[in-house]
Amino acid sequence: MIEETPGVSSDGIEPRAKGAAVRAADIKTWFVREILPLEAMLMRYLHKNWRNESDIEDLRQEVYAQVLREAKSAIPERAKAFLFAKARNVMIDRFRKENVIPIELGM
């Protein structure tokens, strides 16, 4: 039988008070356990949905950066759904930035 330490869940991540920041060690543990195993799936998703192959690794890094940034305030319960929502949003943001049509005032 596994004995739990009071105040610590079975995965070793301590619960936090509402509004309190998540510890860096807990974020790292969660990221390695929940997010990194999804990397191959994430890369297939990015390859399938982004036409410029040279951007794929940058997109992956931006997705990871956003995931880590948001995990500082709350570690998501559904890591896979969270990761792919972030990936979709990163691609949408990148697409919008790349497709801005400059307006030149040349009168």
N, C-alpha and C. Protein backbone atom coordinates (compact mmCIF):
# COMPACT_ATOMS: atom_id res chain seq x y z
N MET A 1 0.84 -1.18 0.00
CA MET A 1 0.00 0.00 0.00
C MET A 1 0.88 1.25 0.00
N ILE A 2 0.52 2.20 -0.84
CA ILE A 2 1.28 3.45 -0.92
C ILE A 2 0.74 4.43 0.11
N GLU A 3 1.63 4.91 0.91
CA GLU A 3 1.24 5.87 1.94
C GLU A 3 1.48 7.27 1.41
N GLU A 4 0.47 8.11 1.48
CA GLU A 4 0.60 9.48 0.99
C GLU A 4 0.99 10.42 2.12
N THR A 5 1.83 11.37 1.78
CA THR A 5 2.19 12.41 2.71
C THR A 5 1.05 13.42 2.75
N PRO A 6 0.63 13.85 3.93
CA PRO A 6 -0.46 14.83 3.99
C PRO A 6 -0.11 16.07 3.18
N GLY A 7 -1.07 16.51 2.37
CA GLY A 7 -0.86 17.71 1.57
C GLY A 7 -0.14 17.47 0.25
N VAL A 8 0.21 16.21 -0.05
CA VAL A 8 0.90 15.90 -1.29
C VAL A 8 0.12 14.80 -2.00
N SER A 9 -0.17 14.99 -3.28
CA SER A 9 -0.92 13.99 -4.02
C SER A 9 -0.02 12.81 -4.36
N SER A 10 -0.61 11.74 -4.89
CA SER A 10 0.15 10.53 -5.21
C SER A 10 1.19 10.77 -6.29
N ASP A 11 1.04 11.81 -7.11
CA ASP A 11 2.05 12.10 -8.14
C ASP A 11 3.18 12.99 -7.60
N GLY A 12 3.11 13.35 -6.33
CA GLY A 12 4.18 14.13 -5.72
C GLY A 12 4.01 15.63 -5.84
N ILE A 13 2.97 16.08 -6.51
CA ILE A 13 2.76 17.52 -6.68
C ILE A 13 1.87 18.02 -5.56
N GLU A 14 2.36 19.02 -4.86
CA GLU A 14 1.61 19.57 -3.74
C GLU A 14 0.47 20.44 -4.23
N PRO A 15 -0.70 20.33 -3.61
CA PRO A 15 -1.80 21.22 -3.97
C PRO A 15 -1.44 22.64 -3.56
N ARG A 16 -2.06 23.60 -4.21
CA ARG A 16 -1.73 24.99 -3.90
C ARG A 16 -3.00 25.77 -3.62
N ALA A 17 -2.83 26.83 -2.89
CA ALA A 17 -3.96 27.69 -2.60
C ALA A 17 -4.37 28.43 -3.86
N LYS A 18 -5.64 28.74 -3.99
CA LYS A 18 -6.13 29.44 -5.17
C LYS A 18 -5.37 30.75 -5.33
N GLY A 19 -4.85 30.97 -6.54
CA GLY A 19 -4.11 32.19 -6.82
C GLY A 19 -2.62 32.09 -6.53
N ALA A 20 -2.20 31.02 -5.86
CA ALA A 20 -0.78 30.86 -5.54
C ALA A 20 -0.05 30.29 -6.75
N ALA A 21 1.19 30.67 -6.90
CA ALA A 21 2.00 30.18 -8.01
C ALA A 21 2.38 28.72 -7.78
N VAL A 22 2.52 28.00 -8.88
CA VAL A 22 2.93 26.60 -8.81
C VAL A 22 4.45 26.57 -8.71
N ARG A 23 4.97 25.65 -7.89
CA ARG A 23 6.42 25.54 -7.73
C ARG A 23 7.07 25.10 -9.03
N ALA A 24 8.26 25.61 -9.30
CA ALA A 24 9.01 25.27 -10.51
C ALA A 24 9.27 23.77 -10.59
N ALA A 25 9.58 23.15 -9.48
CA ALA A 25 9.84 21.71 -9.47
C ALA A 25 8.60 20.92 -9.87
N ASP A 26 7.43 21.37 -9.43
CA ASP A 26 6.18 20.70 -9.80
C ASP A 26 5.89 20.86 -11.28
N ILE A 27 6.17 22.04 -11.82
CA ILE A 27 5.97 22.28 -13.24
C ILE A 27 6.90 21.39 -14.06
N LYS A 28 8.15 21.31 -13.63
CA LYS A 28 9.12 20.47 -14.35
C LYS A 28 8.68 19.01 -14.33
N THR A 29 8.28 18.52 -13.17
CA THR A 29 7.82 17.13 -13.04
C THR A 29 6.63 16.88 -13.96
N TRP A 30 5.66 17.78 -13.94
CA TRP A 30 4.46 17.65 -14.78
C TRP A 30 4.83 17.69 -16.26
N PHE A 31 5.69 18.62 -16.64
CA PHE A 31 6.08 18.78 -18.04
C PHE A 31 6.77 17.51 -18.56
N VAL A 32 7.70 16.98 -17.80
CA VAL A 32 8.43 15.78 -18.21
C VAL A 32 7.50 14.56 -18.26
N ARG A 33 6.60 14.47 -17.31
CA ARG A 33 5.72 13.30 -17.22
C ARG A 33 4.55 13.37 -18.21
N GLU A 34 3.98 14.55 -18.41
CA GLU A 34 2.75 14.66 -19.19
C GLU A 34 2.92 15.25 -20.60
N ILE A 35 3.83 16.19 -20.77
CA ILE A 35 3.94 16.91 -22.04
C ILE A 35 4.98 16.28 -22.97
N LEU A 36 6.18 16.04 -22.48
CA LEU A 36 7.23 15.51 -23.35
C LEU A 36 6.87 14.19 -24.02
N PRO A 37 6.16 13.27 -23.39
CA PRO A 37 5.78 12.05 -24.10
C PRO A 37 4.85 12.30 -25.31
N LEU A 38 4.26 13.48 -25.38
CA LEU A 38 3.37 13.82 -26.49
C LEU A 38 4.10 14.50 -27.65
N GLU A 39 5.42 14.63 -27.53
CA GLU A 39 6.18 15.38 -28.54
C GLU A 39 6.03 14.81 -29.95
N ALA A 40 6.10 13.51 -30.12
CA ALA A 40 5.98 12.92 -31.46
C ALA A 40 4.61 13.24 -32.06
N MET A 41 3.56 13.15 -31.24
CA MET A 41 2.22 13.49 -31.71
C MET A 41 2.12 14.97 -32.07
N LEU A 42 2.72 15.81 -31.23
CA LEU A 42 2.72 17.25 -31.49
C LEU A 42 3.43 17.55 -32.81
N MET A 43 4.57 16.93 -33.03
CA MET A 43 5.32 17.18 -34.26
C MET A 43 4.52 16.72 -35.50
N ARG A 44 3.85 15.58 -35.42
CA ARG A 44 3.00 15.14 -36.54
C ARG A 44 1.89 16.14 -36.80
N TYR A 45 1.29 16.64 -35.73
CA TYR A 45 0.22 17.64 -35.85
C TYR A 45 0.73 18.91 -36.51
N LEU A 46 1.89 19.38 -36.09
CA LEU A 46 2.45 20.59 -36.68
C LEU A 46 2.81 20.37 -38.15
N HIS A 47 3.42 19.24 -38.46
CA HIS A 47 3.78 18.93 -39.86
C HIS A 47 2.53 18.86 -40.74
N LYS A 48 1.48 18.29 -40.21
CA LYS A 48 0.25 18.14 -40.99
C LYS A 48 -0.45 19.48 -41.22
N ASN A 49 -0.34 20.39 -40.26
CA ASN A 49 -1.14 21.62 -40.31
C ASN A 49 -0.36 22.89 -40.63
N TRP A 50 0.93 22.78 -40.87
CA TRP A 50 1.72 23.98 -41.17
C TRP A 50 2.50 23.74 -42.44
N ARG A 51 2.40 24.63 -43.39
CA ARG A 51 2.99 24.37 -44.71
C ARG A 51 4.48 24.62 -44.79
N ASN A 52 5.02 25.49 -43.97
CA ASN A 52 6.45 25.83 -44.04
C ASN A 52 7.23 24.95 -43.06
N GLU A 53 7.88 23.93 -43.60
CA GLU A 53 8.61 22.96 -42.77
C GLU A 53 9.70 23.62 -41.90
N SER A 54 10.27 24.70 -42.39
CA SER A 54 11.36 25.33 -41.63
C SER A 54 10.87 26.01 -40.35
N ASP A 55 9.56 26.19 -40.21
CA ASP A 55 8.99 26.81 -39.01
C ASP A 55 8.62 25.81 -37.91
N ILE A 56 8.61 24.53 -38.22
CA ILE A 56 8.06 23.52 -37.31
C ILE A 56 8.75 23.52 -35.95
N GLU A 57 10.07 23.52 -35.93
CA GLU A 57 10.77 23.49 -34.63
C GLU A 57 10.53 24.76 -33.83
N ASP A 58 10.46 25.90 -34.51
CA ASP A 58 10.15 27.16 -33.81
C ASP A 58 8.74 27.12 -33.23
N LEU A 59 7.81 26.57 -33.99
CA LEU A 59 6.44 26.45 -33.49
C LEU A 59 6.40 25.57 -32.25
N ARG A 60 7.11 24.43 -32.30
CA ARG A 60 7.15 23.53 -31.14
C ARG A 60 7.67 24.27 -29.91
N GLN A 61 8.75 25.02 -30.08
CA GLN A 61 9.33 25.74 -28.94
C GLN A 61 8.38 26.80 -28.41
N GLU A 62 7.66 27.47 -29.30
CA GLU A 62 6.69 28.48 -28.86
C GLU A 62 5.54 27.82 -28.11
N VAL A 63 5.10 26.66 -28.58
CA VAL A 63 4.05 25.92 -27.88
C VAL A 63 4.53 25.56 -26.47
N TYR A 64 5.74 25.00 -26.38
CA TYR A 64 6.28 24.63 -25.07
C TYR A 64 6.42 25.84 -24.15
N ALA A 65 6.87 26.96 -24.71
CA ALA A 65 7.03 28.18 -23.90
C ALA A 65 5.68 28.63 -23.33
N GLN A 66 4.64 28.60 -24.17
CA GLN A 66 3.32 29.01 -23.69
C GLN A 66 2.76 28.03 -22.66
N VAL A 67 2.98 26.75 -22.89
CA VAL A 67 2.51 25.73 -21.94
C VAL A 67 3.17 25.97 -20.58
N LEU A 68 4.48 26.16 -20.58
CA LEU A 68 5.20 26.38 -19.32
C LEU A 68 4.77 27.69 -18.66
N ARG A 69 4.59 28.73 -19.44
CA ARG A 69 4.18 30.03 -18.90
C ARG A 69 2.83 29.91 -18.18
N GLU A 70 1.88 29.23 -18.81
CA GLU A 70 0.56 29.10 -18.20
C GLU A 70 0.54 28.13 -17.03
N ALA A 71 1.43 27.14 -17.05
CA ALA A 71 1.49 26.18 -15.94
C ALA A 71 1.96 26.84 -14.65
N LYS A 72 2.59 27.99 -14.75
CA LYS A 72 3.04 28.70 -13.55
C LYS A 72 1.86 29.12 -12.68
N SER A 73 0.72 29.37 -13.30
CA SER A 73 -0.44 29.78 -12.50
C SER A 73 -1.33 28.61 -12.16
N ALA A 74 -1.37 27.57 -13.03
CA ALA A 74 -2.18 26.38 -12.75
C ALA A 74 -1.78 25.27 -13.70
N ILE A 75 -1.49 24.11 -13.14
CA ILE A 75 -1.16 22.95 -13.98
C ILE A 75 -2.48 22.36 -14.49
N PRO A 76 -2.62 22.28 -15.80
CA PRO A 76 -3.88 21.77 -16.37
C PRO A 76 -4.09 20.30 -16.04
N GLU A 77 -5.33 19.92 -15.86
CA GLU A 77 -5.65 18.52 -15.56
C GLU A 77 -5.56 17.65 -16.81
N ARG A 78 -5.91 18.20 -17.96
CA ARG A 78 -5.91 17.45 -19.20
C ARG A 78 -4.77 17.95 -20.09
N ALA A 79 -3.59 17.41 -19.89
CA ALA A 79 -2.38 17.89 -20.54
C ALA A 79 -2.45 17.80 -22.06
N LYS A 80 -2.94 16.71 -22.59
CA LYS A 80 -2.98 16.52 -24.05
C LYS A 80 -3.88 17.56 -24.70
N ALA A 81 -5.07 17.72 -24.20
CA ALA A 81 -5.99 18.72 -24.76
C ALA A 81 -5.41 20.12 -24.64
N PHE A 82 -4.79 20.41 -23.52
CA PHE A 82 -4.17 21.71 -23.29
C PHE A 82 -3.04 21.96 -24.29
N LEU A 83 -2.17 20.95 -24.48
CA LEU A 83 -1.05 21.08 -25.40
C LEU A 83 -1.52 21.35 -26.82
N PHE A 84 -2.50 20.59 -27.29
CA PHE A 84 -2.94 20.76 -28.67
C PHE A 84 -3.76 22.02 -28.87
N ALA A 85 -4.44 22.49 -27.85
CA ALA A 85 -5.11 23.80 -27.94
C ALA A 85 -4.06 24.90 -28.07
N LYS A 86 -2.98 24.80 -27.30
CA LYS A 86 -1.89 25.78 -27.40
C LYS A 86 -1.26 25.73 -28.79
N ALA A 87 -1.04 24.53 -29.31
CA ALA A 87 -0.44 24.39 -30.64
C ALA A 87 -1.32 25.06 -31.69
N ARG A 88 -2.61 24.80 -31.62
CA ARG A 88 -3.55 25.43 -32.57
C ARG A 88 -3.50 26.95 -32.46
N ASN A 89 -3.49 27.45 -31.23
CA ASN A 89 -3.47 28.90 -31.03
C ASN A 89 -2.16 29.53 -31.52
N VAL A 90 -1.05 28.85 -31.31
CA VAL A 90 0.24 29.35 -31.79
C VAL A 90 0.24 29.44 -33.31
N MET A 91 -0.29 28.40 -33.97
CA MET A 91 -0.34 28.43 -35.44
C MET A 91 -1.26 29.54 -35.94
N ILE A 92 -2.40 29.73 -35.29
CA ILE A 92 -3.32 30.80 -35.68
C ILE A 92 -2.65 32.15 -35.52
N ASP A 93 -1.99 32.38 -34.39
CA ASP A 93 -1.29 33.65 -34.15
C ASP A 93 -0.21 33.88 -35.19
N ARG A 94 0.57 32.84 -35.48
CA ARG A 94 1.65 32.96 -36.47
C ARG A 94 1.08 33.26 -37.85
N PHE A 95 0.00 32.59 -38.20
CA PHE A 95 -0.64 32.81 -39.50
C PHE A 95 -1.12 34.25 -39.62
N ARG A 96 -1.74 34.76 -38.57
CA ARG A 96 -2.22 36.15 -38.59
C ARG A 96 -1.07 37.14 -38.76
N LYS A 97 0.02 36.91 -38.06
CA LYS A 97 1.17 37.81 -38.15
C LYS A 97 1.80 37.78 -39.54
N GLU A 98 1.86 36.58 -40.14
CA GLU A 98 2.48 36.45 -41.47
C GLU A 98 1.60 36.99 -42.58
N ASN A 99 0.32 37.10 -42.35
CA ASN A 99 -0.59 37.53 -43.40
C ASN A 99 -1.10 38.95 -43.22
N VAL A 100 -0.36 39.73 -42.47
CA VAL A 100 -0.71 41.14 -42.33
C VAL A 100 -0.32 41.85 -43.62
N ILE A 101 -1.27 42.59 -44.18
CA ILE A 101 -1.00 43.32 -45.41
C ILE A 101 -0.62 44.74 -45.03
N PRO A 102 0.62 45.14 -45.38
CA PRO A 102 1.04 46.51 -45.01
C PRO A 102 0.26 47.56 -45.81
N ILE A 103 -0.11 48.61 -45.13
CA ILE A 103 -0.79 49.72 -45.78
C ILE A 103 0.22 50.84 -45.93
N GLU A 104 0.50 51.16 -47.18
CA GLU A 104 1.50 52.20 -47.44
C GLU A 104 0.80 53.48 -47.81
N LEU A 105 1.23 54.52 -47.20
CA LEU A 105 0.68 55.85 -47.50
C LEU A 105 1.60 56.51 -48.50
N GLY A 106 1.31 56.35 -49.75
CA GLY A 106 2.16 56.91 -50.78
C GLY A 106 1.38 57.83 -51.71
N MET A 107 0.99 58.95 -51.21
CA MET A 107 0.21 59.88 -52.04
C MET A 107 1.04 61.03 -52.44
